Amino acid sequence: MLNHAVLYAVMLAVPTITLIRTYGSNRDFAPFGFTIFAAQEPPIGWMVNPGGLLHGEPGWLLSILIAGHIVMAGAHESIWRDGTLARMRGCRRAAN
């Protein structure tokens, strides 16, 4: 249960930190050619510096958590055969 709370917290934190860092930087944020916010001249240091420091490690943590979830889903399916993936898909297990 705790790992899911950490996963969701990191999934929210990483993009939030990145958006704050990008907003304060001297580059436009224009995904798909649509400008969301313009470049800041000069860059806003209190947004860019902490964002640069806090973006990498949580990103790696998120990757590790995702990989762990994939491994554990595989273990539930192949080792324990407890029907976890079927329940996640919304299928009911057949009665024994």
N, C-alpha and C. Protein backbone atom coordinates (compact mmCIF):
# COMPACT_ATOMS: atom_id res chain seq x y z
N MET A 1 0.82 -1.19 0.00
CA MET A 1 0.00 0.00 0.00
C MET A 1 0.87 1.27 0.00
N LEU A 2 1.93 1.23 0.80
CA LEU A 2 2.82 2.39 0.87
C LEU A 2 3.50 2.63 -0.48
N ASN A 3 3.85 1.53 -1.18
CA ASN A 3 4.52 1.71 -2.46
C ASN A 3 3.61 2.39 -3.47
N HIS A 4 2.30 2.15 -3.39
CA HIS A 4 1.38 2.83 -4.29
C HIS A 4 1.27 4.31 -3.94
N ALA A 5 1.29 4.64 -2.66
CA ALA A 5 1.25 6.04 -2.25
C ALA A 5 2.50 6.78 -2.74
N VAL A 6 3.66 6.13 -2.61
CA VAL A 6 4.90 6.73 -3.09
C VAL A 6 4.85 6.88 -4.61
N LEU A 7 4.35 5.85 -5.31
CA LEU A 7 4.25 5.91 -6.76
C LEU A 7 3.40 7.09 -7.21
N TYR A 8 2.23 7.25 -6.61
CA TYR A 8 1.36 8.37 -6.99
C TYR A 8 1.96 9.72 -6.63
N ALA A 9 2.60 9.80 -5.47
CA ALA A 9 3.24 11.06 -5.07
C ALA A 9 4.34 11.45 -6.06
N VAL A 10 5.15 10.47 -6.46
CA VAL A 10 6.24 10.76 -7.40
C VAL A 10 5.68 11.08 -8.78
N MET A 11 4.59 10.38 -9.18
CA MET A 11 3.99 10.67 -10.49
C MET A 11 3.45 12.10 -10.55
N LEU A 12 3.04 12.65 -9.44
CA LEU A 12 2.61 14.05 -9.40
C LEU A 12 3.79 15.00 -9.25
N ALA A 13 4.77 14.62 -8.44
CA ALA A 13 5.88 15.52 -8.13
C ALA A 13 6.79 15.76 -9.34
N VAL A 14 7.13 14.72 -10.09
CA VAL A 14 8.09 14.88 -11.19
C VAL A 14 7.58 15.87 -12.24
N PRO A 15 6.36 15.73 -12.77
CA PRO A 15 5.91 16.72 -13.76
C PRO A 15 5.73 18.11 -13.16
N THR A 16 5.30 18.18 -11.90
CA THR A 16 5.12 19.49 -11.26
C THR A 16 6.46 20.21 -11.13
N ILE A 17 7.48 19.50 -10.65
CA ILE A 17 8.82 20.09 -10.54
C ILE A 17 9.32 20.53 -11.90
N THR A 18 9.09 19.70 -12.91
CA THR A 18 9.55 20.02 -14.26
C THR A 18 8.85 21.25 -14.81
N LEU A 19 7.55 21.36 -14.60
CA LEU A 19 6.82 22.53 -15.09
C LEU A 19 7.28 23.80 -14.40
N ILE A 20 7.53 23.74 -13.09
CA ILE A 20 8.04 24.91 -12.38
C ILE A 20 9.41 25.30 -12.92
N ARG A 21 10.28 24.31 -13.11
CA ARG A 21 11.62 24.58 -13.65
C ARG A 21 11.52 25.18 -15.05
N THR A 22 10.65 24.62 -15.88
CA THR A 22 10.50 25.10 -17.25
C THR A 22 9.91 26.50 -17.28
N TYR A 23 8.95 26.79 -16.41
CA TYR A 23 8.35 28.12 -16.36
C TYR A 23 9.39 29.18 -16.04
N GLY A 24 10.32 28.87 -15.16
CA GLY A 24 11.34 29.84 -14.77
C GLY A 24 12.53 29.92 -15.69
N SER A 25 12.61 29.04 -16.68
CA SER A 25 13.79 29.00 -17.54
C SER A 25 13.70 30.01 -18.68
N ASN A 26 14.77 30.09 -19.46
CA ASN A 26 14.81 31.03 -20.57
C ASN A 26 14.42 30.37 -21.90
N ARG A 27 13.61 29.31 -21.81
CA ARG A 27 13.09 28.64 -23.01
C ARG A 27 11.57 28.64 -22.98
N ASP A 28 10.98 28.77 -24.16
CA ASP A 28 9.52 28.66 -24.26
C ASP A 28 9.10 27.23 -23.95
N PHE A 29 7.89 27.09 -23.43
CA PHE A 29 7.28 25.77 -23.29
C PHE A 29 6.17 25.71 -24.31
N ALA A 30 6.43 24.99 -25.38
CA ALA A 30 5.49 24.94 -26.50
C ALA A 30 5.34 23.52 -27.02
N PRO A 31 4.64 22.65 -26.26
CA PRO A 31 4.45 21.29 -26.77
C PRO A 31 3.54 21.30 -27.99
N PHE A 32 3.92 20.52 -29.00
CA PHE A 32 3.16 20.40 -30.25
C PHE A 32 2.99 21.74 -30.95
N GLY A 33 3.89 22.69 -30.68
CA GLY A 33 3.85 23.98 -31.35
C GLY A 33 2.92 25.00 -30.73
N PHE A 34 2.26 24.67 -29.63
CA PHE A 34 1.36 25.60 -28.95
C PHE A 34 2.07 26.15 -27.72
N THR A 35 2.27 27.46 -27.70
CA THR A 35 2.98 28.07 -26.59
C THR A 35 2.11 28.08 -25.34
N ILE A 36 2.59 27.42 -24.30
CA ILE A 36 1.89 27.41 -23.02
C ILE A 36 2.37 28.58 -22.17
N PHE A 37 3.68 28.75 -22.08
CA PHE A 37 4.22 29.95 -21.47
C PHE A 37 5.55 30.30 -22.12
N ALA A 38 5.81 31.60 -22.15
CA ALA A 38 6.99 32.13 -22.84
C ALA A 38 8.23 32.05 -21.96
N ALA A 39 9.37 32.23 -22.59
CA ALA A 39 10.65 32.22 -21.88
C ALA A 39 10.74 33.40 -20.92
N GLN A 40 11.45 33.20 -19.82
CA GLN A 40 11.68 34.25 -18.84
C GLN A 40 13.07 34.82 -19.07
N GLU A 41 13.16 36.11 -19.22
CA GLU A 41 14.46 36.78 -19.37
C GLU A 41 14.58 37.82 -18.28
N PRO A 42 15.50 37.72 -17.39
CA PRO A 42 16.41 36.60 -17.16
C PRO A 42 15.68 35.43 -16.51
N PRO A 43 16.27 34.24 -16.51
CA PRO A 43 15.63 33.09 -15.87
C PRO A 43 15.40 33.34 -14.38
N ILE A 44 14.35 32.76 -13.85
CA ILE A 44 14.01 32.91 -12.43
C ILE A 44 14.76 31.82 -11.66
N GLY A 45 15.80 32.23 -10.96
CA GLY A 45 16.70 31.28 -10.31
C GLY A 45 16.05 30.37 -9.30
N TRP A 46 15.12 30.90 -8.48
CA TRP A 46 14.53 30.07 -7.45
C TRP A 46 13.62 29.00 -8.04
N MET A 47 13.24 29.13 -9.31
CA MET A 47 12.46 28.08 -9.97
C MET A 47 13.37 27.10 -10.71
N VAL A 48 14.39 27.61 -11.35
CA VAL A 48 15.25 26.77 -12.19
C VAL A 48 16.20 25.92 -11.36
N ASN A 49 16.88 26.51 -10.39
CA ASN A 49 17.91 25.78 -9.64
C ASN A 49 17.37 24.61 -8.82
N PRO A 50 16.37 24.82 -7.96
CA PRO A 50 15.83 23.66 -7.23
C PRO A 50 15.19 22.63 -8.17
N GLY A 51 14.57 23.12 -9.23
CA GLY A 51 13.97 22.20 -10.19
C GLY A 51 15.00 21.30 -10.84
N GLY A 52 16.16 21.87 -11.15
CA GLY A 52 17.23 21.07 -11.73
C GLY A 52 17.77 20.03 -10.75
N LEU A 53 17.83 20.40 -9.48
CA LEU A 53 18.33 19.48 -8.46
C LEU A 53 17.32 18.39 -8.12
N LEU A 54 16.04 18.73 -8.13
CA LEU A 54 15.01 17.80 -7.68
C LEU A 54 14.36 16.99 -8.78
N HIS A 55 14.78 17.17 -10.02
CA HIS A 55 14.10 16.47 -11.11
C HIS A 55 14.69 15.08 -11.37
N GLY A 56 16.00 14.94 -11.31
CA GLY A 56 16.65 13.70 -11.71
C GLY A 56 16.36 12.52 -10.80
N GLU A 57 16.59 12.66 -9.51
CA GLU A 57 16.42 11.55 -8.58
C GLU A 57 14.98 11.07 -8.51
N PRO A 58 13.99 11.96 -8.38
CA PRO A 58 12.61 11.46 -8.40
C PRO A 58 12.25 10.79 -9.73
N GLY A 59 12.83 11.24 -10.82
CA GLY A 59 12.59 10.58 -12.11
C GLY A 59 13.12 9.15 -12.11
N TRP A 60 14.31 8.95 -11.54
CA TRP A 60 14.85 7.60 -11.43
C TRP A 60 14.02 6.77 -10.46
N LEU A 61 13.59 7.36 -9.36
CA LEU A 61 12.74 6.65 -8.41
C LEU A 61 11.45 6.20 -9.09
N LEU A 62 10.87 7.06 -9.90
CA LEU A 62 9.65 6.70 -10.63
C LEU A 62 9.92 5.53 -11.57
N SER A 63 11.04 5.55 -12.27
CA SER A 63 11.39 4.44 -13.17
C SER A 63 11.54 3.13 -12.40
N ILE A 64 12.18 3.19 -11.24
CA ILE A 64 12.37 1.99 -10.42
C ILE A 64 11.04 1.47 -9.90
N LEU A 65 10.16 2.37 -9.46
CA LEU A 65 8.85 1.94 -8.98
C LEU A 65 8.02 1.30 -10.09
N ILE A 66 8.07 1.86 -11.28
CA ILE A 66 7.33 1.28 -12.41
C ILE A 66 7.89 -0.10 -12.74
N ALA A 67 9.21 -0.22 -12.80
CA ALA A 67 9.83 -1.52 -13.09
C ALA A 67 9.47 -2.54 -12.02
N GLY A 68 9.47 -2.13 -10.77
CA GLY A 68 9.08 -3.03 -9.68
C GLY A 68 7.65 -3.50 -9.80
N HIS A 69 6.76 -2.61 -10.20
CA HIS A 69 5.37 -3.01 -10.39
C HIS A 69 5.22 -4.00 -11.54
N ILE A 70 5.97 -3.80 -12.61
CA ILE A 70 5.92 -4.73 -13.74
C ILE A 70 6.44 -6.10 -13.31
N VAL A 71 7.55 -6.13 -12.58
CA VAL A 71 8.11 -7.40 -12.11
C VAL A 71 7.14 -8.11 -11.18
N MET A 72 6.53 -7.38 -10.26
CA MET A 72 5.61 -8.01 -9.33
C MET A 72 4.33 -8.48 -10.02
N ALA A 73 3.86 -7.76 -11.02
CA ALA A 73 2.70 -8.24 -11.79
C ALA A 73 3.05 -9.54 -12.50
N GLY A 74 4.26 -9.62 -13.05
CA GLY A 74 4.71 -10.87 -13.67
C GLY A 74 4.82 -12.00 -12.66
N ALA A 75 5.30 -11.70 -11.46
CA ALA A 75 5.41 -12.72 -10.41
C ALA A 75 4.03 -13.22 -10.01
N HIS A 76 3.08 -12.32 -9.87
CA HIS A 76 1.71 -12.73 -9.52
C HIS A 76 1.13 -13.65 -10.60
N GLU A 77 1.44 -13.35 -11.85
CA GLU A 77 0.88 -14.13 -12.96
C GLU A 77 1.59 -15.47 -13.13
N SER A 78 2.93 -15.47 -13.08
CA SER A 78 3.66 -16.68 -13.44
C SER A 78 4.05 -17.56 -12.24
N ILE A 79 4.30 -16.97 -11.09
CA ILE A 79 4.74 -17.77 -9.94
C ILE A 79 3.56 -18.13 -9.05
N TRP A 80 2.82 -17.12 -8.61
CA TRP A 80 1.74 -17.37 -7.66
C TRP A 80 0.42 -17.73 -8.33
N ARG A 81 0.26 -17.37 -9.59
CA ARG A 81 -0.96 -17.67 -10.37
C ARG A 81 -2.23 -17.36 -9.57
N ASP A 82 -2.28 -16.15 -9.05
CA ASP A 82 -3.41 -15.78 -8.20
C ASP A 82 -4.45 -14.93 -8.92
N GLY A 83 -4.31 -14.73 -10.22
CA GLY A 83 -5.32 -14.01 -10.99
C GLY A 83 -5.29 -12.51 -10.83
N THR A 84 -4.19 -11.96 -10.36
CA THR A 84 -4.11 -10.52 -10.15
C THR A 84 -4.31 -9.75 -11.45
N LEU A 85 -3.65 -10.17 -12.52
CA LEU A 85 -3.79 -9.45 -13.80
C LEU A 85 -5.21 -9.56 -14.34
N ALA A 86 -5.85 -10.70 -14.16
CA ALA A 86 -7.24 -10.85 -14.61
C ALA A 86 -8.14 -9.89 -13.83
N ARG A 87 -7.92 -9.77 -12.53
CA ARG A 87 -8.72 -8.83 -11.73
C ARG A 87 -8.46 -7.40 -12.15
N MET A 88 -7.21 -7.09 -12.50
CA MET A 88 -6.88 -5.73 -12.94
C MET A 88 -7.56 -5.41 -14.26
N ARG A 89 -7.74 -6.42 -15.12
CA ARG A 89 -8.44 -6.22 -16.39
C ARG A 89 -9.95 -6.20 -16.21
N GLY A 90 -10.43 -6.57 -15.04
CA GLY A 90 -11.87 -6.58 -14.79
C GLY A 90 -12.51 -7.93 -15.04
N CYS A 91 -11.70 -8.95 -15.27
CA CYS A 91 -12.22 -10.30 -15.50
C CYS A 91 -12.40 -11.00 -14.16
N ARG A 92 -13.38 -11.86 -14.13
CA ARG A 92 -13.59 -12.64 -12.91
C ARG A 92 -12.90 -13.99 -13.06
N ARG A 93 -12.41 -14.50 -11.96
CA ARG A 93 -11.78 -15.82 -11.97
C ARG A 93 -12.84 -16.89 -12.03
N ALA A 94 -12.53 -17.95 -12.74
CA ALA A 94 -13.45 -19.08 -12.81
C ALA A 94 -13.47 -19.80 -11.47
N ALA A 95 -14.65 -20.27 -11.08
CA ALA A 95 -14.78 -20.99 -9.81
C ALA A 95 -14.11 -22.35 -9.95
N ASN A 96 -13.41 -22.79 -8.90
CA ASN A 96 -12.73 -24.09 -8.94
C ASN A 96 -13.66 -25.19 -8.61
